[in-house]
Protein backbone atom coordinates (compact mmCIF):
# COMPACT_ATOMS: atom_id res chain seq x y z
CA MET A 1 90.09 56.50 -65.31
CA LYS A 2 87.65 57.40 -67.86
CA LYS A 3 85.05 60.08 -66.60
CA THR A 4 81.30 59.40 -66.68
CA TYR A 5 79.47 62.27 -67.74
CA PHE A 6 76.07 60.92 -67.19
CA LYS A 7 74.18 59.45 -64.38
CA TYR A 8 71.01 57.70 -64.15
CA VAL A 9 68.30 58.46 -61.68
CA LYS A 10 65.20 56.47 -60.56
CA ILE A 11 61.86 58.47 -60.31
CA ASP A 12 59.72 58.08 -57.13
CA PRO A 13 56.62 55.85 -58.05
CA SER A 14 54.90 58.15 -55.61
CA GLN A 15 55.87 60.95 -57.79
CA LEU A 16 54.17 59.41 -60.72
CA LYS A 17 51.17 58.32 -58.86
CA LYS A 18 50.64 61.98 -58.10
CA LEU A 19 51.06 62.94 -61.90
CA ILE A 20 48.40 60.24 -62.99
CA ALA A 21 46.04 61.61 -60.29
CA ILE A 22 46.23 64.71 -62.48
CA GLU A 23 45.88 63.35 -65.74
CA PRO A 24 44.48 59.66 -65.44
CA LYS A 25 45.75 59.23 -69.24
CA ILE A 26 49.34 59.05 -68.52
CA ALA A 27 48.61 55.88 -66.60
CA ASN A 28 48.21 54.25 -70.24
CA PHE A 29 51.85 54.94 -70.81
CA VAL A 30 53.41 54.64 -67.55
CA ASP A 31 53.64 51.47 -65.49
CA ILE A 32 54.57 52.68 -62.02
CA GLU A 33 55.35 49.18 -61.23
CA LYS A 34 58.43 49.35 -63.43
CA PRO A 35 61.63 51.39 -62.74
CA PHE A 36 61.33 54.71 -64.50
CA TYR A 37 65.04 56.02 -64.97
CA PHE A 38 66.09 59.33 -66.30
CA ARG A 39 69.75 60.62 -67.24
CA VAL A 40 71.23 63.65 -65.78
CA MET A 41 74.43 65.28 -65.96
CA PRO A 42 75.99 66.36 -62.69
CA ASP A 43 78.65 68.55 -63.97
CA HIS A 44 77.10 71.72 -65.18
CA PHE A 45 79.67 72.60 -67.53
CA SER A 46 79.57 69.25 -69.38
CA CYS A 47 75.86 69.58 -69.52
CA ILE A 48 76.29 73.17 -71.25
CA VAL A 49 78.61 71.89 -73.75
CA HIS A 50 76.14 68.64 -74.43
CA THR A 51 73.18 70.88 -74.88
CA ILE A 52 74.70 73.17 -77.16
CA ILE A 53 75.85 70.20 -79.13
CA SER A 54 72.06 68.98 -79.25
CA GLN A 55 70.59 72.28 -80.68
CA GLN A 56 68.47 71.25 -83.90
CA ILE A 57 70.19 67.96 -84.92
CA SER A 58 69.05 64.40 -84.65
CA ASN A 59 70.11 62.39 -81.52
CA ALA A 60 72.12 60.22 -83.46
CA ALA A 61 74.03 63.46 -84.42
CA VAL A 62 74.32 64.30 -81.06
CA ASP A 63 75.86 61.25 -80.20
CA SER A 64 78.36 61.28 -82.73
CA ILE A 65 79.61 64.76 -82.05
CA TRP A 66 79.55 64.26 -78.28
CA ASN A 67 81.85 60.93 -78.80
CA LYS A 68 84.04 63.01 -80.91
CA VAL A 69 84.43 65.74 -78.49
CA ILE A 70 84.92 63.34 -75.63
CA ALA A 71 87.67 61.45 -77.89
CA LYS A 72 89.26 64.44 -78.81
CA PHE A 73 89.52 66.22 -75.32
CA LYS A 74 89.44 63.21 -72.71
CA LYS A 75 88.08 65.79 -70.36
CA LEU A 76 85.81 68.68 -70.73
CA THR A 77 86.94 71.83 -68.62
CA PRO A 78 86.16 75.31 -69.43
CA LYS A 79 90.04 76.01 -69.75
CA ILE A 80 90.32 73.20 -72.23
CA ILE A 81 87.36 74.60 -74.42
CA ALA A 82 88.58 78.08 -74.03
CA ASN A 83 92.38 77.04 -75.47
CA ALA A 84 91.02 74.84 -78.23
CA SER A 85 91.34 76.06 -81.58
CA LEU A 86 88.57 77.00 -84.02
CA GLU A 87 89.98 74.49 -86.46
CA THR A 88 89.94 71.44 -83.57
CA LEU A 89 86.56 72.47 -82.64
CA ARG A 90 85.31 72.45 -86.34
CA ASP A 91 86.90 68.99 -86.80
CA VAL A 92 84.59 67.29 -84.05
CA GLY A 93 81.58 68.68 -85.95
CA LEU A 94 80.58 71.78 -84.21
CA SER A 95 79.17 75.02 -86.17
CA GLU A 96 80.71 78.17 -85.87
CA SER A 97 77.59 79.52 -84.09
CA LYS A 98 77.96 76.50 -81.12
CA ILE A 99 81.65 77.28 -81.08
CA ARG A 100 80.80 80.82 -80.32
CA GLY A 101 78.31 80.24 -77.56
CA LEU A 102 81.06 77.55 -76.09
CA LYS A 103 84.12 79.76 -76.18
CA GLN A 104 81.85 82.98 -74.57
CA ILE A 105 80.78 80.84 -71.70
CA SER A 106 84.60 79.02 -71.32
CA TYR A 107 86.25 82.25 -71.27
CA ASP A 108 84.06 83.74 -68.62
CA MET A 109 84.31 80.79 -66.45
CA VAL A 110 87.94 81.06 -66.96
CA ASP A 111 87.88 84.61 -65.90
CA LYS A 112 85.81 83.76 -63.08
CA LYS A 113 83.08 85.98 -64.46
CA LEU A 114 80.72 82.66 -64.37
CA ASN A 115 80.56 80.23 -61.84
CA LEU A 116 78.10 77.63 -62.35
CA LYS A 117 78.15 76.32 -58.84
CA LYS A 118 76.99 79.69 -57.71
CA LEU A 119 74.56 79.86 -60.50
CA GLY A 120 72.74 76.67 -59.06
CA LYS A 121 71.76 78.88 -56.13
CA LEU A 122 69.75 81.24 -58.10
CA SER A 123 66.34 81.24 -59.05
CA ASP A 124 65.01 79.73 -62.18
CA LYS A 125 64.59 83.35 -63.30
CA GLU A 126 67.77 84.48 -62.60
CA ILE A 127 69.54 81.76 -64.06
CA TYR A 128 67.47 82.21 -67.55
CA GLU A 129 68.80 85.84 -67.33
CA LYS A 130 72.29 84.99 -66.56
CA LEU A 131 72.78 82.49 -69.24
CA GLY A 132 70.42 84.06 -71.87
CA LYS A 133 72.99 86.63 -72.31
CA TYR A 134 75.37 84.01 -74.24
CA HIS A 135 75.40 83.52 -77.87
CA SER A 136 73.71 80.08 -78.87
CA ILE A 137 71.95 79.62 -75.21
CA GLY A 138 68.30 80.46 -75.82
CA LYS A 139 65.35 79.26 -73.72
CA TRP A 140 65.12 75.67 -74.91
CA SER A 141 68.87 75.32 -73.73
CA ILE A 142 68.65 76.63 -70.48
CA ASP A 143 65.40 74.63 -69.88
CA MET A 144 67.48 71.40 -70.57
CA ILE A 145 70.38 72.77 -68.27
CA LEU A 146 67.79 73.36 -65.50
CA ILE A 147 66.17 69.88 -65.90
CA PHE A 148 69.60 67.84 -66.45
CA SER A 149 71.96 69.39 -64.42
CA TYR A 150 70.39 71.72 -61.69
CA TYR A 151 67.53 69.38 -61.22
CA ARG A 152 64.51 72.04 -61.15
CA ASN A 153 61.12 70.46 -60.81
CA ASN A 154 58.76 72.84 -62.72
CA ILE A 155 60.31 73.10 -66.41
CA ILE A 156 58.87 72.34 -69.42
CA SER A 157 60.05 73.34 -73.07
CA PHE A 158 57.06 73.70 -75.39
CA GLN A 159 59.75 74.40 -78.17
CA ASP A 160 61.17 70.94 -77.68
CA PHE A 161 60.01 68.28 -80.64
CA GLY A 162 59.82 65.27 -78.17
CA ILE A 163 57.49 67.35 -75.70
CA LYS A 164 55.35 68.46 -78.36
CA ASN A 165 55.02 65.12 -79.88
CA GLY A 166 54.36 63.50 -76.37
CA ILE A 167 51.52 66.08 -75.92
CA LYS A 168 49.96 65.17 -79.15
CA ILE A 169 50.00 61.50 -78.34
CA LEU A 170 49.08 61.85 -74.69
CA PHE A 171 46.03 63.83 -75.44
CA SER A 172 45.17 62.64 -78.94
CA ILE A 173 45.45 65.95 -80.62
CA LYS A 174 46.95 67.32 -84.04
CA ASP A 175 47.89 70.74 -83.23
CA ILE A 176 49.40 72.54 -80.13
CA THR A 177 48.12 75.94 -79.67
CA PRO A 178 49.11 78.84 -77.00
CA LYS A 179 45.93 77.96 -75.16
CA ILE A 180 46.80 74.26 -74.84
CA CYS A 181 50.22 75.06 -73.44
CA GLN A 182 48.72 77.58 -71.02
CA ASN A 183 46.25 74.68 -69.79
CA ILE A 184 49.10 72.28 -69.39
CA TYR A 185 51.29 74.74 -67.71
CA ASP A 186 48.46 75.41 -64.95
CA LYS A 187 47.31 72.09 -64.84
CA PHE A 188 50.87 70.49 -63.91
CA CYS A 189 52.09 73.52 -62.30
CA ASP A 190 55.17 72.20 -59.70
CA ASN A 191 55.26 69.07 -61.49
CA LEU A 192 56.32 70.19 -65.01
CA THR A 193 59.77 68.47 -65.03
CA LEU A 194 58.48 65.17 -64.16
CA LEU A 195 55.69 65.95 -67.12
CA SER A 196 58.31 66.54 -69.58
CA LEU A 197 60.25 63.14 -68.54
CA VAL A 198 56.88 61.46 -69.10
CA LEU A 199 56.24 63.11 -72.57
CA TRP A 200 59.64 62.34 -73.64
CA LYS A 201 59.19 58.68 -72.71
CA ILE A 202 55.66 58.62 -74.32
CA SER A 203 57.41 60.37 -77.71
CA ASN A 204 60.49 58.15 -77.67
CA GLU A 205 58.48 54.74 -77.22
CA ARG A 206 56.10 55.84 -79.97
CA ASN A 207 58.95 56.64 -82.25
CA SER A 208 60.54 53.15 -81.80
CA ASN A 209 57.61 51.29 -82.49
């Protein structure tokens, strides 16, 4: 049976109402009467692989490389990636830097130096510290892993293009300053992940029109 790496989760409308109460402008972009789903990756290792693939390339390129990876390996496990040759990983479209990061994490998981299930029991700060030591795993990557695989509720990445674009559209501004980021962080604290999902939705829908 083909493994399903993605799962779609419906957002509770009451949570969206709470967000709109904080910032009424969101109601111009989100209809709480319509189902709002977001895609998650329950398998932590697969999410790390997908996140590393996603770094600094277009969504179309991400899908292309991801599909090649799945077609090549059938199943994603640390052991399979650890044992894969550099040539094989290059052939599916991975850069040297991304291969290095994936190999480091895979080796440590195989050697039981890194346990992603136990990692989920740590605080956000501790996860940043643990994963941040690996090559190709910066803050943006950890933000994505925390949102889409560990389901943390207070994460936003101001480095992310979609987030920045969503902020500009929502607040009708041209530039995003550190002060604006801090104001958003303070205003939506404890609801930052949901805000991130809304900002991505706003950005994607504007780009598709």
